[in-house]
Protein backbone atom coordinates (compact mmCIF):
# COMPACT_ATOMS: atom_id res chain seq x y z
CA MET A 1 17.74 -2.55 0.10
CA TYR A 2 15.60 0.49 0.65
CA VAL A 3 12.74 1.15 3.04
CA TRP A 4 10.60 1.51 -0.09
CA THR A 5 10.96 -2.24 -0.59
CA ASP A 6 8.78 -2.93 2.44
CA ILE A 7 6.25 -0.35 1.26
CA LYS A 8 6.15 -1.87 -2.23
CA VAL A 9 5.47 -5.33 -0.84
CA GLU A 10 2.79 -3.93 1.46
CA VAL A 11 1.15 -2.06 -1.40
CA LYS A 12 1.40 -5.14 -3.60
CA PHE A 13 -0.81 -7.04 -1.18
CA THR A 14 -3.11 -4.11 -0.41
CA CYS A 15 -3.55 -2.55 -3.84
CA GLY A 16 -2.22 -5.33 -6.00
CA ASN A 17 -0.11 -2.92 -8.05
CA VAL A 18 3.51 -2.18 -7.24
CA ASP A 19 3.96 0.08 -10.27
CA ALA A 20 1.17 2.33 -9.04
CA SER A 21 2.95 2.74 -5.70
CA ILE A 22 6.11 3.85 -7.48
CA ARG A 23 4.38 6.32 -9.79
CA TYR A 24 1.94 7.66 -7.23
CA GLY A 25 3.56 8.00 -3.81
CA VAL A 26 0.51 9.65 -2.26
CA LYS A 27 -1.80 7.08 -3.79
CA GLU A 28 0.13 4.25 -2.14
CA LEU A 29 -0.42 5.88 1.26
CA ASP A 30 -4.13 6.19 0.51
CA CYS A 31 -4.26 2.50 -0.40
CA THR A 32 -2.51 1.54 2.81
CA ILE A 33 -4.80 3.73 4.91
CA GLN A 34 -7.90 2.38 3.20
CA THR A 35 -6.67 -1.17 3.73
CA LEU A 36 -6.07 -0.51 7.42
CA LYS A 37 -9.57 0.94 7.72
CA ARG A 38 -11.05 -2.08 5.94
CA SER A 39 -9.08 -4.43 8.19
CA ARG A 40 -10.40 -2.67 11.28
CA LEU A 41 -13.93 -2.88 9.93
CA ILE A 42 -13.56 -6.57 9.13
CA GLU A 43 -11.86 -7.44 12.40
């Protein structure tokens, strides 16, 4: 329904906690950024 749905799913895989993404909007961005950095380091 909302754009947040995609973000929640993304955070669920990256941080493993959808509730955290809802309660902490900034934290979810940090998790996504950290995951992207890790992915770049791995790949």
